[in-house]
C-alpha cells in the first residue's frame, strides 16, 4: 500500500520553518524579483521562473554533496538559483550561466558581485543553444560536474542533449518545472509547454544513458546522473 502525506498549507509552512536557511542576500533577491513580477504583465510561465528558497537550498545541497567544481545553468532569470550554486561551489569553482535576457542577467550579476562570488560566475547572454554549443566547441565536453536546466520548456530536449555531452560520467543534471503545475497529467492541457514536457519526461524515463528520479518538489524536479 502506497502512503503519502497530504501536503496542507500548515505542513508546508512547517517544512519551510524546519528546513530553509535562506541567506539575507538571497531573501533580498527573491523579494526584489517578486516585486518586479507583481508589477509586470508577465504571464504564468514567467512567474514560474522564480526559484523558491527550498529549491535554491536543495540545489546548494546537491552541489556540495556531489563535490561539483564546474557547473552550467541554463536559464538564469534574476539569478536566485545561480547565486545558490555559486555560494555552494568551492572557492576555485565556476558556474556558466546561460540566458537570453540582458535585463534579468544584470540583476543576477549585481547580486553575485554583492555576495562576493562574482569570480565564480561567467554569464553568457544570448541563445542558450548557441552558448551550450560554444562550450562544447571550447573543449568542455565531458568536464562538467553539475547542470541545472530551468529555461523555455519547448527547448528542454535540446538543452538535455547538450547537457549530456558536457557532463562527465557521474555528473548530475537537475531539470526544473517538469510537472508544469500538474498540467502534464491533464489531457485538456495541450499547449506547447505541457506537450513538450510530456515528451521530455517520457524520453528521459526510457534513456539508458542516465539514472534518474523525478521528484514532486515545487513544480517537479528531475535528477539524473550520467552513466
C-alpha atoms as a PDB file:
ATOM      1  CA  UNK A   1       0.000   0.000   0.000  1.00  0.00           C
ATOM      2  CA  UNK A   2       1.382   3.407  -1.004  1.00  0.00           C
ATOM      3  CA  UNK A   3       1.257   6.018   1.735  1.00  0.00           C
ATOM      4  CA  UNK A   4       1.581   9.726   1.037  1.00  0.00           C
ATOM      5  CA  UNK A   5       1.309  12.643   3.415  1.00  0.00           C
ATOM      6  CA  UNK A   6      -1.286  15.187   2.300  1.00  0.00           C
ATOM      7  CA  UNK A   7       0.510  18.497   1.848  1.00  0.00           C
ATOM      8  CA  UNK A   8      -1.527  21.128   3.661  1.00  0.00           C
ATOM      9  CA  UNK A   9      -0.533  24.819   3.931  1.00  0.00           C
ATOM     10  CA  UNK A  10       0.291  24.284   7.602  1.00  0.00           C
ATOM     11  CA  UNK A  11       2.530  21.311   6.822  1.00  0.00           C
ATOM     12  CA  UNK A  12       4.230  23.228   4.013  1.00  0.00           C
ATOM     13  CA  UNK A  13       4.980  26.090   6.415  1.00  0.00           C
ATOM     14  CA  UNK A  14       6.344  23.598   8.959  1.00  0.00           C
ATOM     15  CA  UNK A  15       8.684  22.076   6.378  1.00  0.00           C
ATOM     16  CA  UNK A  16       9.917  25.513   5.384  1.00  0.00           C
ATOM     17  CA  UNK A  17      10.407  26.537   9.022  1.00  0.00           C
ATOM     18  CA  UNK A  18      12.329  23.361   9.860  1.00  0.00           C
ATOM     19  CA  UNK A  19      14.412  23.248   6.667  1.00  0.00           C
ATOM     20  CA  UNK A  20      15.044  26.539   4.932  1.00  0.00           C
ATOM     21  CA  UNK A  21      18.083  28.584   5.993  1.00  0.00           C
ATOM     22  CA  UNK A  22      17.894  31.408   3.486  1.00  0.00           C
ATOM     23  CA  UNK A  23      20.823  33.867   3.494  1.00  0.00           C
ATOM     24  CA  UNK A  24      19.798  37.511   3.748  1.00  0.00           C
ATOM     25  CA  UNK A  25      21.080  38.369   0.264  1.00  0.00           C
ATOM     26  CA  UNK A  26      19.105  35.554  -1.357  1.00  0.00           C
ATOM     27  CA  UNK A  27      15.999  36.625   0.552  1.00  0.00           C
ATOM     28  CA  UNK A  28      16.503  40.167  -0.692  1.00  0.00           C
ATOM     29  CA  UNK A  29      16.903  38.961  -4.287  1.00  0.00           C
ATOM     30  CA  UNK A  30      13.732  36.887  -4.033  1.00  0.00           C
ATOM     31  CA  UNK A  31      11.761  39.865  -2.723  1.00  0.00           C
ATOM     32  CA  UNK A  32      13.113  42.159  -5.436  1.00  0.00           C
ATOM     33  CA  UNK A  33      12.157  39.610  -8.088  1.00  0.00           C
ATOM     34  CA  UNK A  34       8.685  39.076  -6.621  1.00  0.00           C
ATOM     35  CA  UNK A  35       8.048  42.821  -6.599  1.00  0.00           C
ATOM     36  CA  UNK A  36       9.225  43.066 -10.201  1.00  0.00           C
ATOM     37  CA  UNK A  37       6.867  40.268 -11.260  1.00  0.00           C
ATOM     38  CA  UNK A  38       3.972  41.715  -9.291  1.00  0.00           C
ATOM     39  CA  UNK A  39       4.221  44.975 -11.163  1.00  0.00           C
ATOM     40  CA  UNK A  40       4.626  43.418 -14.594  1.00  0.00           C
ATOM     41  CA  UNK A  41       2.350  41.912 -17.207  1.00  0.00           C
ATOM     42  CA  UNK A  42       4.385  38.715 -17.386  1.00  0.00           C
ATOM     43  CA  UNK A  43       2.281  35.594 -17.711  1.00  0.00           C
ATOM     44  CA  UNK A  44       2.065  32.277 -15.881  1.00  0.00           C
ATOM     45  CA  UNK A  45       5.218  30.830 -17.466  1.00  0.00           C
ATOM     46  CA  UNK A  46       7.359  33.795 -16.444  1.00  0.00           C
ATOM     47  CA  UNK A  47       6.121  33.645 -12.852  1.00  0.00           C
ATOM     48  CA  UNK A  48       7.334  30.033 -12.613  1.00  0.00           C
ATOM     49  CA  UNK A  49      10.847  31.297 -13.389  1.00  0.00           C
ATOM     50  CA  UNK A  50      11.261  32.450  -9.782  1.00  0.00           C
ATOM     51  CA  UNK A  51      13.169  29.808  -7.802  1.00  0.00           C
ATOM     52  CA  UNK A  52      11.750  29.101  -4.351  1.00  0.00           C
ATOM     53  CA  UNK A  53      14.025  29.196  -1.271  1.00  0.00           C
ATOM     54  CA  UNK A  54      13.629  25.460  -0.681  1.00  0.00           C
ATOM     55  CA  UNK A  55      14.618  24.756  -4.288  1.00  0.00           C
ATOM     56  CA  UNK A  56      17.636  27.026  -4.055  1.00  0.00           C
ATOM     57  CA  UNK A  57      18.740  25.352  -0.839  1.00  0.00           C
ATOM     58  CA  UNK A  58      18.237  21.924  -2.411  1.00  0.00           C
ATOM     59  CA  UNK A  59      20.442  22.909  -5.351  1.00  0.00           C
ATOM     60  CA  UNK A  60      23.132  24.130  -2.961  1.00  0.00           C
ATOM     61  CA  UNK A  61      22.961  20.845  -1.072  1.00  0.00           C
ATOM     62  CA  UNK A  62      23.315  18.838  -4.290  1.00  0.00           C
ATOM     63  CA  UNK A  63      26.296  20.914  -5.430  1.00  0.00           C
ATOM     64  CA  UNK A  64      28.055  20.329  -2.128  1.00  0.00           C
ATOM     65  CA  UNK A  65      27.092  16.651  -1.909  1.00  0.00           C
ATOM     66  CA  UNK A  66      28.395  15.895  -5.398  1.00  0.00           C
ATOM     67  CA  UNK A  67      31.614  17.828  -4.854  1.00  0.00           C
ATOM     68  CA  UNK A  68      30.921  19.803  -8.012  1.00  0.00           C
ATOM     69  CA  UNK A  69      33.570  22.268  -9.176  1.00  0.00           C
ATOM     70  CA  UNK A  70      32.332  23.081 -12.680  1.00  0.00           C
ATOM     71  CA  UNK A  71      28.658  23.838 -13.243  1.00  0.00           C
ATOM     72  CA  UNK A  72      26.387  25.104 -16.011  1.00  0.00           C
ATOM     73  CA  UNK A  73      22.983  26.730 -15.610  1.00  0.00           C
ATOM     74  CA  UNK A  74      20.521  27.109 -18.478  1.00  0.00           C
ATOM     75  CA  UNK A  75      18.005  29.826 -17.629  1.00  0.00           C
ATOM     76  CA  UNK A  76      19.355  32.369 -15.137  1.00  0.00           C
ATOM     77  CA  UNK A  77      16.466  34.857 -14.821  1.00  0.00           C
ATOM     78  CA  UNK A  78      17.398  37.222 -11.942  1.00  0.00           C
ATOM     79  CA  UNK A  79      19.924  34.792 -10.514  1.00  0.00           C
ATOM     80  CA  UNK A  80      18.450  33.104  -7.419  1.00  0.00           C
ATOM     81  CA  UNK A  81      19.500  29.589  -8.439  1.00  0.00           C
ATOM     82  CA  UNK A  82      22.744  30.879  -9.943  1.00  0.00           C
ATOM     83  CA  UNK A  83      23.692  32.568  -6.674  1.00  0.00           C
ATOM     84  CA  UNK A  84      22.656  29.472  -4.702  1.00  0.00           C
ATOM     85  CA  UNK A  85      25.001  27.395  -6.860  1.00  0.00           C
ATOM     86  CA  UNK A  86      27.888  29.876  -6.767  1.00  0.00           C
ATOM     87  CA  UNK A  87      27.750  30.099  -2.972  1.00  0.00           C
ATOM     88  CA  UNK A  88      27.938  26.300  -2.720  1.00  0.00           C
ATOM     89  CA  UNK A  89      30.866  25.872  -5.106  1.00  0.00           C
ATOM     90  CA  UNK A  90      34.424  25.771  -3.743  1.00  0.00           C
ATOM     91  CA  UNK A  91      36.494  28.936  -3.999  1.00  0.00           C
ATOM     92  CA  UNK A  92      38.030  27.831  -7.295  1.00  0.00           C
ATOM     93  CA  UNK A  93      34.730  26.547  -8.701  1.00  0.00           C
ATOM     94  CA  UNK A  94      32.940  28.055 -11.690  1.00  0.00           C
ATOM     95  CA  UNK A  95      29.376  28.204 -12.980  1.00  0.00           C
ATOM     96  CA  UNK A  96      28.469  29.281 -16.508  1.00  0.00           C
ATOM     97  CA  UNK A  97      25.014  30.869 -16.621  1.00  0.00           C
ATOM     98  CA  UNK A  98      23.203  30.969 -19.983  1.00  0.00           C
ATOM     99  CA  UNK A  99      20.260  33.299 -20.533  1.00  0.00           C
ATOM    100  CA  UNK A 100      18.860  35.432 -23.343  1.00  0.00           C
ATOM    101  CA  UNK A 101      17.930  38.486 -21.244  1.00  0.00           C
ATOM    102  CA  UNK A 102      20.344  41.364 -20.666  1.00  0.00           C
ATOM    103  CA  UNK A 103      17.870  42.929 -18.211  1.00  0.00           C
ATOM    104  CA  UNK A 104      17.465  39.920 -15.928  1.00  0.00           C
ATOM    105  CA  UNK A 105      21.099  38.822 -16.007  1.00  0.00           C
ATOM    106  CA  UNK A 106      22.153  42.332 -14.993  1.00  0.00           C
ATOM    107  CA  UNK A 107      20.264  41.770 -11.733  1.00  0.00           C
ATOM    108  CA  UNK A 108      21.935  38.371 -11.364  1.00  0.00           C
ATOM    109  CA  UNK A 109      25.367  39.946 -11.887  1.00  0.00           C
ATOM    110  CA  UNK A 110      24.655  42.601  -9.269  1.00  0.00           C
ATOM    111  CA  UNK A 111      23.765  40.016  -6.637  1.00  0.00           C
ATOM    112  CA  UNK A 112      26.614  37.577  -7.293  1.00  0.00           C
ATOM    113  CA  UNK A 113      29.010  40.516  -7.050  1.00  0.00           C
ATOM    114  CA  UNK A 114      27.390  41.700  -3.822  1.00  0.00           C
ATOM    115  CA  UNK A 115      27.769  38.172  -2.441  1.00  0.00           C
ATOM    116  CA  UNK A 116      31.488  38.174  -3.252  1.00  0.00           C
ATOM    117  CA  UNK A 117      31.247  35.226  -5.654  1.00  0.00           C
ATOM    118  CA  UNK A 118      31.371  37.095  -8.948  1.00  0.00           C
ATOM    119  CA  UNK A 119      34.733  35.483  -9.732  1.00  0.00           C
ATOM    120  CA  UNK A 120      32.996  32.083  -9.821  1.00  0.00           C
ATOM    121  CA  UNK A 121      30.343  33.177 -12.340  1.00  0.00           C
ATOM    122  CA  UNK A 122      30.522  33.511 -16.102  1.00  0.00           C
ATOM    123  CA  UNK A 123      27.374  34.853 -17.744  1.00  0.00           C
ATOM    124  CA  UNK A 124      26.711  34.158 -21.411  1.00  0.00           C
ATOM    125  CA  UNK A 125      23.861  36.266 -22.754  1.00  0.00           C
ATOM    126  CA  UNK A 126      22.261  35.030 -25.952  1.00  0.00           C
ATOM    127  CA  UNK A 127      20.552  31.932 -27.333  1.00  0.00           C
ATOM    128  CA  UNK A 128      21.283  29.164 -24.808  1.00  0.00           C
ATOM    129  CA  UNK A 129      21.546  26.537 -27.549  1.00  0.00           C
ATOM    130  CA  UNK A 130      24.353  28.522 -29.126  1.00  0.00           C
ATOM    131  CA  UNK A 131      26.030  29.134 -25.762  1.00  0.00           C
ATOM    132  CA  UNK A 132      25.987  25.407 -24.972  1.00  0.00           C
ATOM    133  CA  UNK A 133      27.320  24.547 -28.431  1.00  0.00           C
ATOM    134  CA  UNK A 134      30.114  27.066 -27.902  1.00  0.00           C
ATOM    135  CA  UNK A 135      31.061  25.388 -24.618  1.00  0.00           C
ATOM    136  CA  UNK A 136      31.362  22.073 -26.424  1.00  0.00           C
ATOM    137  CA  UNK A 137      33.485  23.657 -29.162  1.00  0.00           C
ATOM    138  CA  UNK A 138      35.723  25.193 -26.497  1.00  0.00           C
ATOM    139  CA  UNK A 139      36.530  21.723 -25.173  1.00  0.00           C
ATOM    140  CA  UNK A 140      34.184  21.477 -22.193  1.00  0.00           C
ATOM    141  CA  UNK A 141      32.609  18.170 -23.302  1.00  0.00           C
ATOM    142  CA  UNK A 142      32.853  15.572 -20.545  1.00  0.00           C
ATOM    143  CA  UNK A 143      34.214  18.043 -17.980  1.00  0.00           C
ATOM    144  CA  UNK A 144      31.127  19.492 -16.253  1.00  0.00           C
ATOM    145  CA  UNK A 145      30.058  18.174 -12.846  1.00  0.00           C
ATOM    146  CA  UNK A 146      26.621  19.744 -12.469  1.00  0.00           C
ATOM    147  CA  UNK A 147      23.978  21.167 -14.833  1.00  0.00           C
ATOM    148  CA  UNK A 148      20.731  22.898 -13.887  1.00  0.00           C
ATOM    149  CA  UNK A 149      18.082  23.499 -16.568  1.00  0.00           C
ATOM    150  CA  UNK A 150      15.247  25.953 -15.955  1.00  0.00           C
ATOM    151  CA  UNK A 151      14.547  27.692 -19.261  1.00  0.00           C
ATOM    152  CA  UNK A 152      11.994  27.523 -22.074  1.00  0.00           C
ATOM    153  CA  UNK A 153      10.318  24.134 -21.833  1.00  0.00           C
ATOM    154  CA  UNK A 154       9.897  23.550 -25.563  1.00  0.00           C
ATOM    155  CA  UNK A 155      13.703  23.503 -25.875  1.00  0.00           C
ATOM    156  CA  UNK A 156      14.304  21.110 -22.967  1.00  0.00           C
ATOM    157  CA  UNK A 157      15.127  18.175 -25.250  1.00  0.00           C
ATOM    158  CA  UNK A 158      17.854  20.195 -26.974  1.00  0.00           C
ATOM    159  CA  UNK A 159      19.277  21.509 -23.689  1.00  0.00           C
ATOM    160  CA  UNK A 160      19.275  17.975 -22.306  1.00  0.00           C
ATOM    161  CA  UNK A 161      21.344  16.570 -25.150  1.00  0.00           C
ATOM    162  CA  UNK A 162      23.883  19.368 -24.788  1.00  0.00           C
ATOM    163  CA  UNK A 163      23.990  18.786 -21.033  1.00  0.00           C
ATOM    164  CA  UNK A 164      24.745  15.097 -21.505  1.00  0.00           C
ATOM    165  CA  UNK A 165      27.577  15.996 -23.868  1.00  0.00           C
ATOM    166  CA  UNK A 166      29.027  18.440 -21.359  1.00  0.00           C
ATOM    167  CA  UNK A 167      28.630  16.261 -18.250  1.00  0.00           C
ATOM    168  CA  UNK A 168      31.331  13.892 -17.141  1.00  0.00           C
ATOM    169  CA  UNK A 169      30.312  10.320 -16.290  1.00  0.00           C
ATOM    170  CA  UNK A 170      28.837  10.553 -12.795  1.00  0.00           C
ATOM    171  CA  UNK A 171      27.904  14.207 -13.330  1.00  0.00           C
ATOM    172  CA  UNK A 172      24.464  15.362 -12.197  1.00  0.00           C
ATOM    173  CA  UNK A 173      21.692  17.047 -14.155  1.00  0.00           C
ATOM    174  CA  UNK A 174      18.747  18.788 -12.464  1.00  0.00           C
ATOM    175  CA  UNK A 175      15.722  19.886 -14.509  1.00  0.00           C
ATOM    176  CA  UNK A 176      13.022  22.159 -13.081  1.00  0.00           C
ATOM    177  CA  UNK A 177       9.270  22.541 -13.809  1.00  0.00           C
ATOM    178  CA  UNK A 178       8.849  19.028 -15.214  1.00  0.00           C
ATOM    179  CA  UNK A 179       5.275  18.789 -13.836  1.00  0.00           C
ATOM    180  CA  UNK A 180       4.204  22.198 -15.174  1.00  0.00           C
ATOM    181  CA  UNK A 181       1.778  22.931 -12.371  1.00  0.00           C
ATOM    182  CA  UNK A 182       0.219  19.473 -12.809  1.00  0.00           C
ATOM    183  CA  UNK A 183      -0.690  20.052 -16.443  1.00  0.00           C
ATOM    184  CA  UNK A 184       1.411  17.110 -17.655  1.00  0.00           C
ATOM    185  CA  UNK A 185      -1.389  14.782 -16.480  1.00  0.00           C
ATOM    186  CA  UNK A 186      -4.257  16.957 -17.737  1.00  0.00           C
ATOM    187  CA  UNK A 187      -5.353  15.714 -21.193  1.00  0.00           C
ATOM    188  CA  UNK A 188      -7.031  19.029 -21.927  1.00  0.00           C
ATOM    189  CA  UNK A 189      -3.715  20.869 -21.427  1.00  0.00           C
ATOM    190  CA  UNK A 190      -2.452  20.734 -24.998  1.00  0.00           C
ATOM    191  CA  UNK A 191      -0.297  23.866 -25.057  1.00  0.00           C
ATOM    192  CA  UNK A 192       3.344  23.792 -26.153  1.00  0.00           C
ATOM    193  CA  UNK A 193       4.813  23.547 -22.642  1.00  0.00           C
ATOM    194  CA  UNK A 194       2.839  20.581 -21.225  1.00  0.00           C
ATOM    195  CA  UNK A 195       3.057  18.807 -24.578  1.00  0.00           C
ATOM    196  CA  UNK A 196       6.842  19.243 -24.727  1.00  0.00           C
ATOM    197  CA  UNK A 197       7.275  18.219 -21.091  1.00  0.00           C
ATOM    198  CA  UNK A 198       5.245  15.014 -21.508  1.00  0.00           C
ATOM    199  CA  UNK A 199       7.514  14.022 -24.370  1.00  0.00           C
ATOM    200  CA  UNK A 200      10.629  15.101 -22.476  1.00  0.00           C
ATOM    201  CA  UNK A 201       9.733  13.200 -19.297  1.00  0.00           C
ATOM    202  CA  UNK A 202       8.940  10.038 -21.269  1.00  0.00           C
ATOM    203  CA  UNK A 203      12.211  10.290 -23.203  1.00  0.00           C
ATOM    204  CA  UNK A 204      14.274  10.564 -20.018  1.00  0.00           C
ATOM    205  CA  UNK A 205      12.438   7.634 -18.452  1.00  0.00           C
ATOM    206  CA  UNK A 206      13.482   5.493 -21.422  1.00  0.00           C
ATOM    207  CA  UNK A 207      17.050   6.825 -21.708  1.00  0.00           C
ATOM    208  CA  UNK A 208      19.595   4.219 -20.612  1.00  0.00           C
ATOM    209  CA  UNK A 209      22.409   6.786 -20.618  1.00  0.00           C
ATOM    210  CA  UNK A 210      21.257   8.067 -17.224  1.00  0.00           C
ATOM    211  CA  UNK A 211      19.956   7.066 -13.817  1.00  0.00           C
ATOM    212  CA  UNK A 212      17.113   9.301 -12.740  1.00  0.00           C
ATOM    213  CA  UNK A 213      14.450  10.233 -10.242  1.00  0.00           C
ATOM    214  CA  UNK A 214      11.530  12.613 -10.779  1.00  0.00           C
ATOM    215  CA  UNK A 215      10.669  14.362  -7.518  1.00  0.00           C
ATOM    216  CA  UNK A 216       7.487  16.200  -6.605  1.00  0.00           C
ATOM    217  CA  UNK A 217       9.372  19.184  -5.177  1.00  0.00           C
ATOM    218  CA  UNK A 218       7.732  22.527  -6.000  1.00  0.00           C
ATOM    219  CA  UNK A 219       6.766  22.286  -9.697  1.00  0.00           C
ATOM    220  CA  UNK A 220       8.602  18.988 -10.169  1.00  0.00           C
ATOM    221  CA  UNK A 221      12.344  18.398 -10.434  1.00  0.00           C
ATOM    222  CA  UNK A 222      14.131  15.613 -12.267  1.00  0.00           C
ATOM    223  CA  UNK A 223      17.527  14.486 -11.036  1.00  0.00           C
ATOM    224  CA  UNK A 224      19.663  12.483 -13.437  1.00  0.00           C
ATOM    225  CA  UNK A 225      23.188  11.116 -13.231  1.00  0.00           C
ATOM    226  CA  UNK A 226      25.126  10.400 -16.407  1.00  0.00           C
ATOM    227  CA  UNK A 227      26.266   6.795 -16.620  1.00  0.00           C
END
